[in-house]
Amino acid sequence: MVDLSDLLTDLADESAQLDALVAPLPAADWARPTPAPGWSIGHQIAHLAWTDHVALLAATDAEAFYATVTAAPDVTRMVDAGAEEFLAPPAELLARWRAGRTALADALAALPADNKLPWYGTRMSATSMATARIMETWAHGGDVADALDVVRPDSDRLRHVAHLGVRTLGHGFAAHGREAPTAPVRVELIGPGGDTWSWGPADAADRVTGPARDFCQLITQRRHRADLALVASGPVADEWLDVAQAFAGPPGDGRKPAGGNGVRA
């Protein structure tokens, strides 16, 4: 089991990498559109700041967290509304994001190991919340990098994102109104250093293999399956790659194919 302090260190490092990307930008660049329709670079950082804020409420004041849901005029627009609410001039937004992520990390570190935080449609431990924050920071950081036309170096922090993707297999099916499968799936991914990361029984009939980065882009819906070098063997694995999502809530629209050659085995 991953230690919470190690997760929080990786979360801080993932956040710092994105921070270093946006902090030097002139104000005009914060308005650049990203691959998420209607979202600028500023919206991406505002979303992270808002999500850190509601996660902090979940960790410190459950009633206040639930109140943000019941008070929402339209729960289907909470994510967009949160980004709009937290959007601010770059210097103010950057300071808000930095303060919020630090406060959240401190709150998670102080929680008892068996404490379960309320979240959207579920409850999760501090370690799961930290893992989810790494996933979100990496995914939205990818949108920022795409907007700036830069390529971020991969790190072993991707393993946390991939792990969350494997753990949420059933959620992806349920979010699309499908029954979660009972057959196990073997996942074997090649990490940034060339080593293999694996989950599931070695003799499972259904398998997913490929680069860790591609798998993480799929389960965060940052790339279309057709543009990724993932191989699905077996009907469950094949269907999973069509519905996979590691984030809470209803399924998104995903990204349109850019002309790749995804593999169906």
C-alpha atoms as a PDB file:
ATOM      1  CA  MET A   1       0.000   0.000   0.000  1.00  0.00           C
ATOM      2  CA  VAL A   2       1.315   3.452  -0.916  1.00  0.00           C
ATOM      3  CA  ASP A   3       2.164   5.666   2.035  1.00  0.00           C
ATOM      4  CA  LEU A   4       0.131   8.872   2.300  1.00  0.00           C
ATOM      5  CA  SER A   5       3.211  11.015   2.865  1.00  0.00           C
ATOM      6  CA  ASP A   6       4.735   9.659  -0.351  1.00  0.00           C
ATOM      7  CA  LEU A   7       1.524  10.418  -2.229  1.00  0.00           C
ATOM      8  CA  LEU A   8       1.461  13.965  -0.901  1.00  0.00           C
ATOM      9  CA  THR A   9       5.076  14.432  -1.967  1.00  0.00           C
ATOM     10  CA  ASP A  10       4.204  13.238  -5.474  1.00  0.00           C
ATOM     11  CA  LEU A  11       1.141  15.503  -5.510  1.00  0.00           C
ATOM     12  CA  ALA A  12       3.321  18.466  -4.556  1.00  0.00           C
ATOM     13  CA  ASP A  13       5.815  17.571  -7.300  1.00  0.00           C
ATOM     14  CA  GLU A  14       3.080  17.165  -9.930  1.00  0.00           C
ATOM     15  CA  SER A  15       1.606  20.520  -8.916  1.00  0.00           C
ATOM     16  CA  ALA A  16       5.034  22.179  -8.962  1.00  0.00           C
ATOM     17  CA  GLN A  17       5.651  20.936 -12.509  1.00  0.00           C
ATOM     18  CA  LEU A  18       2.424  22.542 -13.701  1.00  0.00           C
ATOM     19  CA  ASP A  19       3.083  25.653 -11.606  1.00  0.00           C
ATOM     20  CA  ALA A  20       6.455  26.092 -13.314  1.00  0.00           C
ATOM     21  CA  LEU A  21       4.696  25.880 -16.679  1.00  0.00           C
ATOM     22  CA  VAL A  22       2.085  28.575 -16.013  1.00  0.00           C
ATOM     23  CA  ALA A  23       3.786  30.945 -13.561  1.00  0.00           C
ATOM     24  CA  PRO A  24       6.016  32.665 -16.177  1.00  0.00           C
ATOM     25  CA  LEU A  25       3.206  33.117 -18.703  1.00  0.00           C
ATOM     26  CA  PRO A  26       2.161  36.650 -19.610  1.00  0.00           C
ATOM     27  CA  ALA A  27      -1.418  37.440 -18.667  1.00  0.00           C
ATOM     28  CA  ALA A  28      -2.605  37.150 -22.281  1.00  0.00           C
ATOM     29  CA  ASP A  29      -1.491  33.521 -22.452  1.00  0.00           C
ATOM     30  CA  TRP A  30      -3.760  32.557 -19.552  1.00  0.00           C
ATOM     31  CA  ALA A  31      -6.641  33.200 -21.961  1.00  0.00           C
ATOM     32  CA  ARG A  32      -5.342  30.684 -24.508  1.00  0.00           C
ATOM     33  CA  PRO A  33      -7.941  28.021 -25.354  1.00  0.00           C
ATOM     34  CA  THR A  34      -7.186  24.455 -24.295  1.00  0.00           C
ATOM     35  CA  PRO A  35      -8.516  21.196 -25.783  1.00  0.00           C
ATOM     36  CA  ALA A  36     -11.417  21.310 -23.284  1.00  0.00           C
ATOM     37  CA  PRO A  37     -14.175  23.217 -25.127  1.00  0.00           C
ATOM     38  CA  GLY A  38     -14.725  26.667 -23.628  1.00  0.00           C
ATOM     39  CA  TRP A  39     -11.841  26.362 -21.175  1.00  0.00           C
ATOM     40  CA  SER A  40      -8.750  28.553 -21.255  1.00  0.00           C
ATOM     41  CA  ILE A  41      -5.517  27.906 -19.390  1.00  0.00           C
ATOM     42  CA  GLY A  42      -6.984  30.082 -16.649  1.00  0.00           C
ATOM     43  CA  HIS A  43     -10.052  27.846 -16.451  1.00  0.00           C
ATOM     44  CA  GLN A  44      -7.844  24.770 -16.057  1.00  0.00           C
ATOM     45  CA  ILE A  45      -6.008  26.264 -13.067  1.00  0.00           C
ATOM     46  CA  ALA A  46      -9.255  27.657 -11.647  1.00  0.00           C
ATOM     47  CA  HIS A  47     -10.770  24.179 -11.835  1.00  0.00           C
ATOM     48  CA  LEU A  48      -7.863  22.712  -9.879  1.00  0.00           C
ATOM     49  CA  ALA A  49      -8.181  25.481  -7.296  1.00  0.00           C
ATOM     50  CA  TRP A  50     -11.933  24.922  -6.967  1.00  0.00           C
ATOM     51  CA  THR A  51     -11.557  21.161  -6.671  1.00  0.00           C
ATOM     52  CA  ASP A  52      -8.867  21.579  -4.005  1.00  0.00           C
ATOM     53  CA  HIS A  53     -11.314  23.855  -2.178  1.00  0.00           C
ATOM     54  CA  VAL A  54     -14.194  21.378  -2.163  1.00  0.00           C
ATOM     55  CA  ALA A  55     -11.790  18.538  -1.297  1.00  0.00           C
ATOM     56  CA  LEU A  56     -10.595  20.598   1.668  1.00  0.00           C
ATOM     57  CA  LEU A  57     -14.205  21.000   2.782  1.00  0.00           C
ATOM     58  CA  ALA A  58     -14.678  17.236   2.456  1.00  0.00           C
ATOM     59  CA  ALA A  59     -11.626  16.694   4.660  1.00  0.00           C
ATOM     60  CA  THR A  60     -12.493  19.291   7.313  1.00  0.00           C
ATOM     61  CA  ASP A  61     -16.223  20.077   7.218  1.00  0.00           C
ATOM     62  CA  ALA A  62     -18.484  17.425   5.690  1.00  0.00           C
ATOM     63  CA  GLU A  63     -21.636  19.498   6.214  1.00  0.00           C
ATOM     64  CA  ALA A  64     -20.126  22.406   4.294  1.00  0.00           C
ATOM     65  CA  PHE A  65     -19.101  20.035   1.512  1.00  0.00           C
ATOM     66  CA  TYR A  66     -22.630  18.627   1.201  1.00  0.00           C
ATOM     67  CA  ALA A  67     -23.996  22.178   1.234  1.00  0.00           C
ATOM     68  CA  THR A  68     -22.045  22.981  -1.931  1.00  0.00           C
ATOM     69  CA  VAL A  69     -23.970  20.194  -3.647  1.00  0.00           C
ATOM     70  CA  THR A  70     -27.439  20.987  -2.307  1.00  0.00           C
ATOM     71  CA  ALA A  71     -26.998  24.702  -2.999  1.00  0.00           C
ATOM     72  CA  ALA A  72     -25.897  24.183  -6.593  1.00  0.00           C
ATOM     73  CA  PRO A  73     -28.524  25.529  -9.038  1.00  0.00           C
ATOM     74  CA  ASP A  74     -27.603  22.773 -11.493  1.00  0.00           C
ATOM     75  CA  VAL A  75     -25.472  19.869 -10.258  1.00  0.00           C
ATOM     76  CA  THR A  76     -24.681  18.882 -13.840  1.00  0.00           C
ATOM     77  CA  ARG A  77     -22.845  22.192 -14.240  1.00  0.00           C
ATOM     78  CA  MET A  78     -20.971  22.200 -10.935  1.00  0.00           C
ATOM     79  CA  VAL A  79     -17.580  21.649 -12.546  1.00  0.00           C
ATOM     80  CA  ASP A  80     -17.993  24.442 -15.090  1.00  0.00           C
ATOM     81  CA  ALA A  81     -19.557  26.735 -12.495  1.00  0.00           C
ATOM     82  CA  GLY A  82     -16.708  26.058 -10.072  1.00  0.00           C
ATOM     83  CA  ALA A  83     -14.091  26.955 -12.664  1.00  0.00           C
ATOM     84  CA  GLU A  84     -15.941  30.163 -13.507  1.00  0.00           C
ATOM     85  CA  GLU A  85     -16.307  31.042  -9.821  1.00  0.00           C
ATOM     86  CA  PHE A  86     -12.591  30.639  -9.114  1.00  0.00           C
ATOM     87  CA  LEU A  87     -11.386  32.283 -12.324  1.00  0.00           C
ATOM     88  CA  ALA A  88      -9.408  35.441 -11.523  1.00  0.00           C
ATOM     89  CA  PRO A  89      -6.495  37.512 -12.840  1.00  0.00           C
ATOM     90  CA  PRO A  90      -3.404  35.291 -13.179  1.00  0.00           C
ATOM     91  CA  ALA A  91      -1.491  36.488 -10.108  1.00  0.00           C
ATOM     92  CA  GLU A  92      -4.550  36.180  -7.877  1.00  0.00           C
ATOM     93  CA  LEU A  93      -5.518  32.799  -9.302  1.00  0.00           C
ATOM     94  CA  LEU A  94      -1.995  31.426  -8.964  1.00  0.00           C
ATOM     95  CA  ALA A  95      -1.812  32.512  -5.318  1.00  0.00           C
ATOM     96  CA  ARG A  96      -5.245  30.977  -4.634  1.00  0.00           C
ATOM     97  CA  TRP A  97      -4.264  27.662  -6.225  1.00  0.00           C
ATOM     98  CA  ARG A  98      -0.975  27.509  -4.312  1.00  0.00           C
ATOM     99  CA  ALA A  99      -2.605  28.287  -0.968  1.00  0.00           C
ATOM    100  CA  GLY A 100      -5.463  25.863  -1.557  1.00  0.00           C
ATOM    101  CA  ARG A 101      -3.346  22.890  -2.539  1.00  0.00           C
ATOM    102  CA  THR A 102      -1.070  23.451   0.474  1.00  0.00           C
ATOM    103  CA  ALA A 103      -4.043  23.636   2.819  1.00  0.00           C
ATOM    104  CA  LEU A 104      -5.513  20.458   1.355  1.00  0.00           C
ATOM    105  CA  ALA A 105      -2.250  18.542   1.714  1.00  0.00           C
ATOM    106  CA  ASP A 106      -1.969  19.623   5.370  1.00  0.00           C
ATOM    107  CA  ALA A 107      -5.573  18.565   6.036  1.00  0.00           C
ATOM    108  CA  LEU A 108      -5.134  15.157   4.399  1.00  0.00           C
ATOM    109  CA  ALA A 109      -1.925  14.528   6.339  1.00  0.00           C
ATOM    110  CA  ALA A 110      -3.758  15.187   9.610  1.00  0.00           C
ATOM    111  CA  LEU A 111      -6.615  12.742   8.977  1.00  0.00           C
ATOM    112  CA  PRO A 112      -6.811   9.367  10.741  1.00  0.00           C
ATOM    113  CA  ALA A 113      -5.932   6.479   8.445  1.00  0.00           C
ATOM    114  CA  ASP A 114      -9.443   4.994   8.614  1.00  0.00           C
ATOM    115  CA  ASN A 115     -11.266   8.272   7.981  1.00  0.00           C
ATOM    116  CA  LYS A 116     -13.553   8.340   4.932  1.00  0.00           C
ATOM    117  CA  LEU A 117     -14.158  11.634   3.163  1.00  0.00           C
ATOM    118  CA  PRO A 118     -17.457  12.382   1.437  1.00  0.00           C
ATOM    119  CA  TRP A 119     -17.185  12.851  -2.299  1.00  0.00           C
ATOM    120  CA  TYR A 120     -19.455  12.942  -5.317  1.00  0.00           C
ATOM    121  CA  GLY A 121     -21.341   9.665  -5.291  1.00  0.00           C
ATOM    122  CA  THR A 122     -18.839   7.912  -3.050  1.00  0.00           C
ATOM    123  CA  ARG A 123     -16.579   8.153  -0.003  1.00  0.00           C
ATOM    124  CA  MET A 124     -12.822   7.860  -0.065  1.00  0.00           C
ATOM    125  CA  SER A 125      -9.773   7.666   2.164  1.00  0.00           C
ATOM    126  CA  ALA A 126      -7.120  10.354   2.380  1.00  0.00           C
ATOM    127  CA  THR A 127      -4.812   8.218   0.239  1.00  0.00           C
ATOM    128  CA  SER A 128      -7.494   7.854  -2.431  1.00  0.00           C
ATOM    129  CA  MET A 129      -8.136  11.607  -2.377  1.00  0.00           C
ATOM    130  CA  ALA A 130      -4.424  12.346  -2.765  1.00  0.00           C
ATOM    131  CA  THR A 131      -4.260   9.888  -5.669  1.00  0.00           C
ATOM    132  CA  ALA A 132      -7.276  11.536  -7.283  1.00  0.00           C
ATOM    133  CA  ARG A 133      -5.647  14.961  -6.926  1.00  0.00           C
ATOM    134  CA  ILE A 134      -2.511  13.665  -8.667  1.00  0.00           C
ATOM    135  CA  MET A 135      -4.705  12.330 -11.472  1.00  0.00           C
ATOM    136  CA  GLU A 136      -6.569  15.619 -11.871  1.00  0.00           C
ATOM    137  CA  THR A 137      -3.423  17.735 -11.750  1.00  0.00           C
ATOM    138  CA  TRP A 138      -1.727  15.549 -14.351  1.00  0.00           C
ATOM    139  CA  ALA A 139      -4.768  15.510 -16.647  1.00  0.00           C
ATOM    140  CA  HIS A 140      -5.488  19.234 -16.550  1.00  0.00           C
ATOM    141  CA  GLY A 141      -1.779  19.928 -16.748  1.00  0.00           C
ATOM    142  CA  GLY A 142      -1.810  17.984 -19.997  1.00  0.00           C
ATOM    143  CA  ASP A 143      -4.485  20.300 -21.363  1.00  0.00           C
ATOM    144  CA  VAL A 144      -2.330  23.290 -20.444  1.00  0.00           C
ATOM    145  CA  ALA A 145       0.715  21.715 -22.099  1.00  0.00           C
ATOM    146  CA  ASP A 146      -1.316  21.032 -25.241  1.00  0.00           C
ATOM    147  CA  ALA A 147      -2.450  24.659 -25.333  1.00  0.00           C
ATOM    148  CA  LEU A 148       1.172  25.788 -25.089  1.00  0.00           C
ATOM    149  CA  ASP A 149       2.356  23.145 -27.573  1.00  0.00           C
ATOM    150  CA  VAL A 150       4.914  21.724 -25.149  1.00  0.00           C
ATOM    151  CA  VAL A 151       5.614  18.117 -24.184  1.00  0.00           C
ATOM    152  CA  ARG A 152       5.947  17.382 -20.483  1.00  0.00           C
ATOM    153  CA  PRO A 153       8.428  14.719 -19.408  1.00  0.00           C
ATOM    154  CA  ASP A 154       6.807  11.602 -17.976  1.00  0.00           C
ATOM    155  CA  SER A 155       7.598  10.474 -14.449  1.00  0.00           C
ATOM    156  CA  ASP A 156       6.833   7.493 -12.244  1.00  0.00           C
ATOM    157  CA  ARG A 157       3.984   9.563 -10.786  1.00  0.00           C
ATOM    158  CA  LEU A 158       2.001   8.195 -13.732  1.00  0.00           C
ATOM    159  CA  ARG A 159       1.739   4.947 -11.801  1.00  0.00           C
ATOM    160  CA  HIS A 160      -0.712   6.590  -9.383  1.00  0.00           C
ATOM    161  CA  VAL A 161      -2.886   7.727 -12.295  1.00  0.00           C
ATOM    162  CA  ALA A 162      -2.771   4.279 -13.877  1.00  0.00           C
ATOM    163  CA  HIS A 163      -3.609   2.617 -10.554  1.00  0.00           C
ATOM    164  CA  LEU A 164      -6.673   4.813 -10.186  1.00  0.00           C
ATOM    165  CA  GLY A 165      -7.672   3.933 -13.733  1.00  0.00           C
ATOM    166  CA  VAL A 166      -7.529   0.225 -12.942  1.00  0.00           C
ATOM    167  CA  ARG A 167      -9.410   0.673  -9.669  1.00  0.00           C
ATOM    168  CA  THR A 168     -12.247   2.539 -11.415  1.00  0.00           C
ATOM    169  CA  LEU A 169     -12.947  -0.088 -14.073  1.00  0.00           C
ATOM    170  CA  GLY A 170     -16.429  -0.757 -12.699  1.00  0.00           C
ATOM    171  CA  HIS A 171     -17.180   2.954 -12.405  1.00  0.00           C
ATOM    172  CA  GLY A 172     -16.539   3.490 -16.105  1.00  0.00           C
ATOM    173  CA  PHE A 173     -19.131   0.869 -17.008  1.00  0.00           C
ATOM    174  CA  ALA A 174     -21.655   2.177 -14.460  1.00  0.00           C
ATOM    175  CA  ALA A 175     -21.205   5.778 -15.613  1.00  0.00           C
ATOM    176  CA  HIS A 176     -22.226   4.680 -19.094  1.00  0.00           C
ATOM    177  CA  GLY A 177     -25.255   2.768 -17.811  1.00  0.00           C
ATOM    178  CA  ARG A 178     -23.668  -0.644 -18.304  1.00  0.00           C
ATOM    179  CA  GLU A 179     -23.355  -3.530 -15.884  1.00  0.00           C
ATOM    180  CA  ALA A 180     -19.903  -3.793 -14.366  1.00  0.00           C
ATOM    181  CA  PRO A 181     -18.118  -6.959 -15.533  1.00  0.00           C
ATOM    182  CA  THR A 182     -17.118  -9.733 -13.152  1.00  0.00           C
ATOM    183  CA  ALA A 183     -14.329 -11.163 -15.298  1.00  0.00           C
ATOM    184  CA  PRO A 184     -10.868  -9.968 -14.205  1.00  0.00           C
ATOM    185  CA  VAL A 185      -8.683  -7.902 -16.509  1.00  0.00           C
ATOM    186  CA  ARG A 186      -4.907  -8.094 -16.589  1.00  0.00           C
ATOM    187  CA  VAL A 187      -3.273  -4.712 -17.191  1.00  0.00           C
ATOM    188  CA  GLU A 188       0.385  -4.493 -18.183  1.00  0.00           C
ATOM    189  CA  LEU A 189       1.821  -1.052 -18.872  1.00  0.00           C
ATOM    190  CA  ILE A 190       5.291   0.128 -19.805  1.00  0.00           C
ATOM    191  CA  GLY A 191       6.387   2.898 -17.463  1.00  0.00           C
ATOM    192  CA  PRO A 192       8.558   5.898 -18.383  1.00  0.00           C
ATOM    193  CA  GLY A 193      11.704   4.037 -17.338  1.00  0.00           C
ATOM    194  CA  GLY A 194      10.907   0.943 -19.413  1.00  0.00           C
ATOM    195  CA  ASP A 195       9.750  -1.212 -16.503  1.00  0.00           C
ATOM    196  CA  THR A 196       6.414  -3.041 -16.557  1.00  0.00           C
ATOM    197  CA  TRP A 197       3.594  -2.093 -14.192  1.00  0.00           C
ATOM    198  CA  SER A 198       0.938  -4.765 -13.785  1.00  0.00           C
ATOM    199  CA  TRP A 199      -2.436  -5.301 -12.148  1.00  0.00           C
ATOM    200  CA  GLY A 200      -4.817  -8.265 -12.144  1.00  0.00           C
ATOM    201  CA  PRO A 201      -4.310 -12.034 -12.460  1.00  0.00           C
ATOM    202  CA  ALA A 202      -1.487 -13.049 -14.789  1.00  0.00           C
ATOM    203  CA  ASP A 203      -3.705 -15.729 -16.356  1.00  0.00           C
ATOM    204  CA  ALA A 204      -6.741 -13.483 -17.020  1.00  0.00           C
ATOM    205  CA  ALA A 205      -8.260 -13.983 -20.468  1.00  0.00           C
ATOM    206  CA  ASP A 206      -8.952 -10.251 -20.831  1.00  0.00           C
ATOM    207  CA  ARG A 207      -5.878  -8.041 -21.076  1.00  0.00           C
ATOM    208  CA  VAL A 208      -4.854  -4.440 -21.715  1.00  0.00           C
ATOM    209  CA  THR A 209      -1.262  -3.657 -22.654  1.00  0.00           C
ATOM    210  CA  GLY A 210       0.604  -0.586 -23.856  1.00  0.00           C
ATOM    211  CA  PRO A 211       2.445   2.531 -22.720  1.00  0.00           C
ATOM    212  CA  ALA A 212       1.481   3.873 -19.289  1.00  0.00           C
ATOM    213  CA  ARG A 213       1.113   7.388 -20.673  1.00  0.00           C
ATOM    214  CA  ASP A 214      -1.415   6.210 -23.264  1.00  0.00           C
ATOM    215  CA  PHE A 215      -3.456   4.348 -20.658  1.00  0.00           C
ATOM    216  CA  CYS A 216      -3.495   7.417 -18.408  1.00  0.00           C
ATOM    217  CA  GLN A 217      -4.569   9.631 -21.298  1.00  0.00           C
ATOM    218  CA  LEU A 218      -7.413   7.217 -22.024  1.00  0.00           C
ATOM    219  CA  ILE A 219      -8.786   6.907 -18.493  1.00  0.00           C
ATOM    220  CA  THR A 220      -8.677  10.699 -18.034  1.00  0.00           C
ATOM    221  CA  GLN A 221     -10.298  11.109 -21.482  1.00  0.00           C
ATOM    222  CA  ARG A 222      -7.440  13.263 -22.786  1.00  0.00           C
ATOM    223  CA  ARG A 223      -7.006  11.250 -25.986  1.00  0.00           C
ATOM    224  CA  HIS A 224      -9.338   9.143 -28.079  1.00  0.00           C
ATOM    225  CA  ARG A 225      -8.720   5.435 -28.020  1.00  0.00           C
ATOM    226  CA  ALA A 226      -7.985   5.446 -31.753  1.00  0.00           C
ATOM    227  CA  ASP A 227      -4.952   7.664 -31.172  1.00  0.00           C
ATOM    228  CA  LEU A 228      -3.337   5.477 -28.522  1.00  0.00           C
ATOM    229  CA  ALA A 229      -1.070   2.435 -28.676  1.00  0.00           C
ATOM    230  CA  LEU A 230      -3.179   0.328 -26.332  1.00  0.00           C
ATOM    231  CA  VAL A 231      -3.999  -3.293 -27.120  1.00  0.00           C
ATOM    232  CA  ALA A 232      -7.193  -4.819 -25.695  1.00  0.00           C
ATOM    233  CA  SER A 233      -7.562  -8.600 -25.805  1.00  0.00           C
ATOM    234  CA  GLY A 234     -10.926 -10.090 -24.884  1.00  0.00           C
ATOM    235  CA  PRO A 235     -14.465  -8.654 -24.904  1.00  0.00           C
ATOM    236  CA  VAL A 236     -14.376  -7.135 -21.407  1.00  0.00           C
ATOM    237  CA  ALA A 237     -11.057  -5.385 -21.991  1.00  0.00           C
ATOM    238  CA  ASP A 238     -12.223  -4.156 -25.382  1.00  0.00           C
ATOM    239  CA  GLU A 239     -15.447  -2.681 -24.002  1.00  0.00           C
ATOM    240  CA  TRP A 240     -13.619  -1.172 -21.029  1.00  0.00           C
ATOM    241  CA  LEU A 241     -11.393   0.935 -23.266  1.00  0.00           C
ATOM    242  CA  ASP A 242     -14.533   2.461 -24.772  1.00  0.00           C
ATOM    243  CA  VAL A 243     -16.009   3.534 -21.411  1.00  0.00           C
ATOM    244  CA  ALA A 244     -13.013   3.987 -19.104  1.00  0.00           C
ATOM    245  CA  GLN A 245     -12.939   7.051 -16.860  1.00  0.00           C
ATOM    246  CA  ALA A 246     -11.081   7.588 -13.618  1.00  0.00           C
ATOM    247  CA  PHE A 247     -12.969  10.719 -12.535  1.00  0.00           C
ATOM    248  CA  ALA A 248     -16.224  10.948 -10.603  1.00  0.00           C
ATOM    249  CA  GLY A 249     -19.490  11.987 -12.164  1.00  0.00           C
ATOM    250  CA  PRO A 250     -21.215  11.349 -15.485  1.00  0.00           C
ATOM    251  CA  PRO A 251     -19.220  10.421 -18.588  1.00  0.00           C
ATOM    252  CA  GLY A 252     -17.760  13.290 -20.520  1.00  0.00           C
ATOM    253  CA  ASP A 253     -17.856  13.727 -24.273  1.00  0.00           C
ATOM    254  CA  GLY A 254     -14.225  12.693 -24.503  1.00  0.00           C
ATOM    255  CA  ARG A 255     -11.867  13.827 -27.245  1.00  0.00           C
ATOM    256  CA  LYS A 256     -12.378  13.374 -30.957  1.00  0.00           C
ATOM    257  CA  PRO A 257      -9.988  11.086 -32.857  1.00  0.00           C
ATOM    258  CA  ALA A 258      -6.977  12.903 -34.285  1.00  0.00           C
ATOM    259  CA  GLY A 259      -6.233  10.215 -36.847  1.00  0.00           C
ATOM    260  CA  GLY A 260      -4.388   7.568 -34.873  1.00  0.00           C
ATOM    261  CA  ASN A 261      -4.456   3.805 -35.225  1.00  0.00           C
ATOM    262  CA  GLY A 262      -5.690   2.294 -31.977  1.00  0.00           C
ATOM    263  CA  VAL A 263      -5.486  -1.498 -31.815  1.00  0.00           C
ATOM    264  CA  ARG A 264      -8.348  -3.884 -31.143  1.00  0.00           C
ATOM    265  CA  ALA A 265      -7.123  -7.434 -30.646  1.00  0.00           C
END
